[in-house]
N, C-alpha and C. Protein backbone atom coordinates (compact mmCIF):
# COMPACT_ATOMS: atom_id res chain seq x y z
N UNK A 1 4.97 -5.72 -2.08
CA UNK A 1 4.41 -6.97 -2.01
C UNK A 1 3.88 -7.51 -0.43
N UNK A 2 2.53 -7.91 -0.88
CA UNK A 2 1.82 -8.43 0.26
C UNK A 2 2.62 -9.95 0.64
N UNK A 3 3.26 -9.82 1.91
CA UNK A 3 3.67 -11.11 2.73
C UNK A 3 2.94 -12.28 2.98
N UNK A 4 2.03 -11.24 4.04
CA UNK A 4 1.12 -12.45 5.09
C UNK A 4 -0.09 -11.51 5.21
N UNK A 5 -1.30 -12.12 5.41
CA UNK A 5 -2.49 -11.37 5.83
C UNK A 5 -3.05 -10.82 4.51
N UNK A 6 -4.09 -10.24 4.83
CA UNK A 6 -5.46 -9.60 3.72
C UNK A 6 -5.51 -8.37 4.35
N UNK A 7 -5.97 -7.61 3.21
CA UNK A 7 -6.59 -6.30 3.43
C UNK A 7 -7.21 -5.42 2.08
N UNK A 8 -7.24 -4.07 2.08
CA UNK A 8 -7.54 -3.46 1.21
C UNK A 8 -6.81 -2.48 1.15
N UNK A 9 -6.32 -2.12 -0.49
CA UNK A 9 -5.22 -1.15 -0.92
C UNK A 9 -6.21 -0.27 -1.54
N UNK A 10 -6.01 1.04 -1.24
CA UNK A 10 -6.56 2.31 -2.02
C UNK A 10 -5.44 3.01 -2.64
N UNK A 11 -5.71 3.31 -4.07
CA UNK A 11 -4.87 4.01 -4.87
C UNK A 11 -5.59 5.24 -5.33
N UNK A 12 -5.63 6.32 -5.09
CA UNK A 12 -6.32 7.41 -5.87
C UNK A 12 -7.97 7.05 -5.73
N UNK A 13 -8.37 6.80 -4.92
CA UNK A 13 -10.00 6.62 -4.83
C UNK A 13 -10.12 5.13 -5.25
N UNK A 14 -9.41 4.44 -5.90
CA UNK A 14 -9.97 2.97 -6.65
C UNK A 14 -9.29 2.06 -5.25
N UNK A 15 -10.47 1.01 -4.86
CA UNK A 15 -9.80 0.25 -3.92
C UNK A 15 -9.97 -1.07 -4.32
N UNK A 16 -8.98 -2.21 -3.70
CA UNK A 16 -8.90 -3.50 -4.10
C UNK A 16 -8.51 -4.28 -3.18
N UNK A 17 -9.01 -5.50 -2.91
CA UNK A 17 -8.60 -6.34 -1.92
C UNK A 17 -7.37 -7.00 -2.18
N UNK A 18 -6.33 -7.13 -1.08
CA UNK A 18 -5.12 -7.57 -1.51
C UNK A 18 -4.52 -8.64 -0.50
N UNK A 19 -3.96 -9.59 -1.06
CA UNK A 19 -3.45 -10.55 -0.22
C UNK A 19 -1.86 -11.24 -0.55
N UNK A 20 -1.74 -12.32 -0.01
CA UNK A 20 -0.29 -12.73 -0.11
C UNK A 20 0.43 -12.67 -1.56
N UNK A 21 1.34 -12.42 -1.91
CA UNK A 21 1.94 -12.31 -3.16
C UNK A 21 1.33 -11.33 -4.19
N UNK A 22 0.42 -10.43 -3.62
CA UNK A 22 -0.12 -9.18 -4.46
C UNK A 22 1.02 -8.19 -4.55
N UNK A 23 1.28 -7.67 -5.80
CA UNK A 23 2.09 -6.27 -5.62
C UNK A 23 1.25 -5.26 -6.24
N UNK A 24 1.37 -4.14 -5.71
CA UNK A 24 0.58 -3.03 -6.02
C UNK A 24 1.63 -1.74 -6.73
N UNK A 25 1.34 -1.23 -7.76
CA UNK A 25 2.29 -0.26 -8.48
C UNK A 25 1.32 1.10 -8.09
N UNK A 26 2.23 1.98 -7.56
CA UNK A 26 1.45 3.18 -6.86
C UNK A 26 2.03 4.44 -7.72
N UNK A 27 1.46 4.89 -8.85
CA UNK A 27 2.01 6.07 -9.42
C UNK A 27 2.41 7.08 -8.78
N UNK A 28 3.56 7.79 -9.19
CA UNK A 28 4.07 9.02 -8.42
C UNK A 28 3.13 9.91 -8.18
N UNK A 29 3.05 10.51 -6.88
CA UNK A 29 2.02 11.48 -6.25
C UNK A 29 0.71 11.05 -6.06
N UNK A 30 0.45 9.90 -6.48
CA UNK A 30 -0.75 9.13 -5.97
C UNK A 30 -1.12 9.12 -4.61
N UNK A 31 -2.33 9.35 -4.26
CA UNK A 31 -2.74 9.38 -2.81
C UNK A 31 -3.02 7.80 -2.69
N UNK A 32 -2.46 7.11 -1.49
CA UNK A 32 -2.70 5.61 -1.50
C UNK A 32 -3.03 5.64 0.19
N UNK A 33 -3.31 4.27 0.43
CA UNK A 33 -3.43 3.83 1.85
C UNK A 33 -3.69 2.50 1.79
N UNK A 34 -3.07 1.55 2.81
CA UNK A 34 -3.46 0.18 2.90
C UNK A 34 -3.93 -0.34 4.22
N UNK A 35 -4.94 -0.90 4.32
CA UNK A 35 -5.27 -1.44 5.62
C UNK A 35 -5.60 -2.74 5.74
N UNK A 36 -5.26 -3.39 6.79
CA UNK A 36 -5.53 -4.87 7.07
C UNK A 36 -6.97 -5.12 7.37
N UNK A 37 -7.31 -6.29 6.97
CA UNK A 37 -8.87 -6.83 7.21
C UNK A 37 -8.98 -6.90 8.65
N UNK A 38 -10.12 -7.43 8.85
CA UNK A 38 -10.82 -7.70 10.38
C UNK A 38 -9.76 -8.44 11.27
N UNK A 39 -9.06 -9.30 10.60
CA UNK A 39 -7.85 -10.34 11.33
C UNK A 39 -6.78 -9.25 11.98
N UNK A 40 -6.63 -8.13 11.49
CA UNK A 40 -5.50 -7.06 11.96
C UNK A 40 -3.97 -7.57 11.49
N UNK A 41 -4.11 -8.67 10.72
CA UNK A 41 -2.90 -9.11 10.18
C UNK A 41 -2.63 -8.79 8.92
N UNK A 42 -1.32 -7.74 8.69
CA UNK A 42 -0.93 -7.51 7.21
C UNK A 42 0.44 -7.42 7.20
N UNK A 43 1.19 -8.06 6.69
CA UNK A 43 2.79 -7.62 6.60
C UNK A 43 2.90 -7.40 5.11
N UNK A 44 3.64 -6.42 4.52
CA UNK A 44 4.14 -6.23 3.42
C UNK A 44 5.41 -5.49 3.28
N UNK A 45 6.07 -5.53 2.09
CA UNK A 45 7.32 -5.10 1.95
C UNK A 45 7.12 -4.07 0.58
N UNK A 46 7.75 -2.69 1.02
CA UNK A 46 7.88 -1.48 0.07
C UNK A 46 8.97 -1.42 -0.56
N UNK A 47 9.14 -0.73 -1.61
CA UNK A 47 10.21 -0.44 -2.61
C UNK A 47 9.77 0.84 -3.28
N UNK A 48 10.86 1.57 -3.21
CA UNK A 48 10.56 2.89 -3.64
C UNK A 48 11.68 3.41 -4.77
N UNK A 49 11.12 3.92 -5.95
CA UNK A 49 11.92 4.27 -6.73
C UNK A 49 11.32 5.25 -7.92
N UNK A 50 12.09 6.59 -7.68
CA UNK A 50 13.25 6.89 -6.98
C UNK A 50 13.11 6.70 -5.49
N UNK A 51 14.28 6.66 -4.76
CA UNK A 51 14.20 6.54 -3.37
C UNK A 51 13.28 7.51 -2.50
N UNK A 52 12.60 7.13 -1.56
CA UNK A 52 11.78 7.68 -0.47
C UNK A 52 12.57 9.19 -0.05
N UNK A 53 11.80 10.10 0.24
CA UNK A 53 12.22 11.40 0.75
C UNK A 53 11.21 12.01 1.43
N UNK A 54 11.28 12.38 2.98
CA UNK A 54 10.40 12.81 3.56
C UNK A 54 9.38 13.98 3.10
N UNK A 55 10.07 14.76 2.34
CA UNK A 55 9.18 15.92 1.65
C UNK A 55 8.20 15.33 0.82
N UNK A 56 8.41 14.14 0.16
CA UNK A 56 7.26 13.52 -0.46
C UNK A 56 5.85 13.22 0.36
N UNK A 57 6.06 13.12 1.45
CA UNK A 57 4.94 12.66 2.38
C UNK A 57 3.83 13.68 2.50
N UNK A 58 2.64 13.28 2.33
CA UNK A 58 1.67 14.42 2.45
C UNK A 58 0.62 13.61 3.63
N UNK A 59 0.23 14.13 4.62
CA UNK A 59 -0.81 13.64 5.45
C UNK A 59 -1.91 14.08 5.72
N UNK A 60 -3.29 13.57 5.82
CA UNK A 60 -4.32 14.20 5.93
C UNK A 60 -4.70 14.34 7.34
């Protein structure tokens, strides 16, 4: 959930603007990235279910 600021969320090549109180569902194994807007201010809270494991991370 976005707590403060604004930015853009990309999930499997679909991009959307995000801001305070927005929640984003990221399907399992979906490529995703979040970026702050021009202000550079973006604070969000992540919850993972099932729990996060390092081997689930893929970096390009």
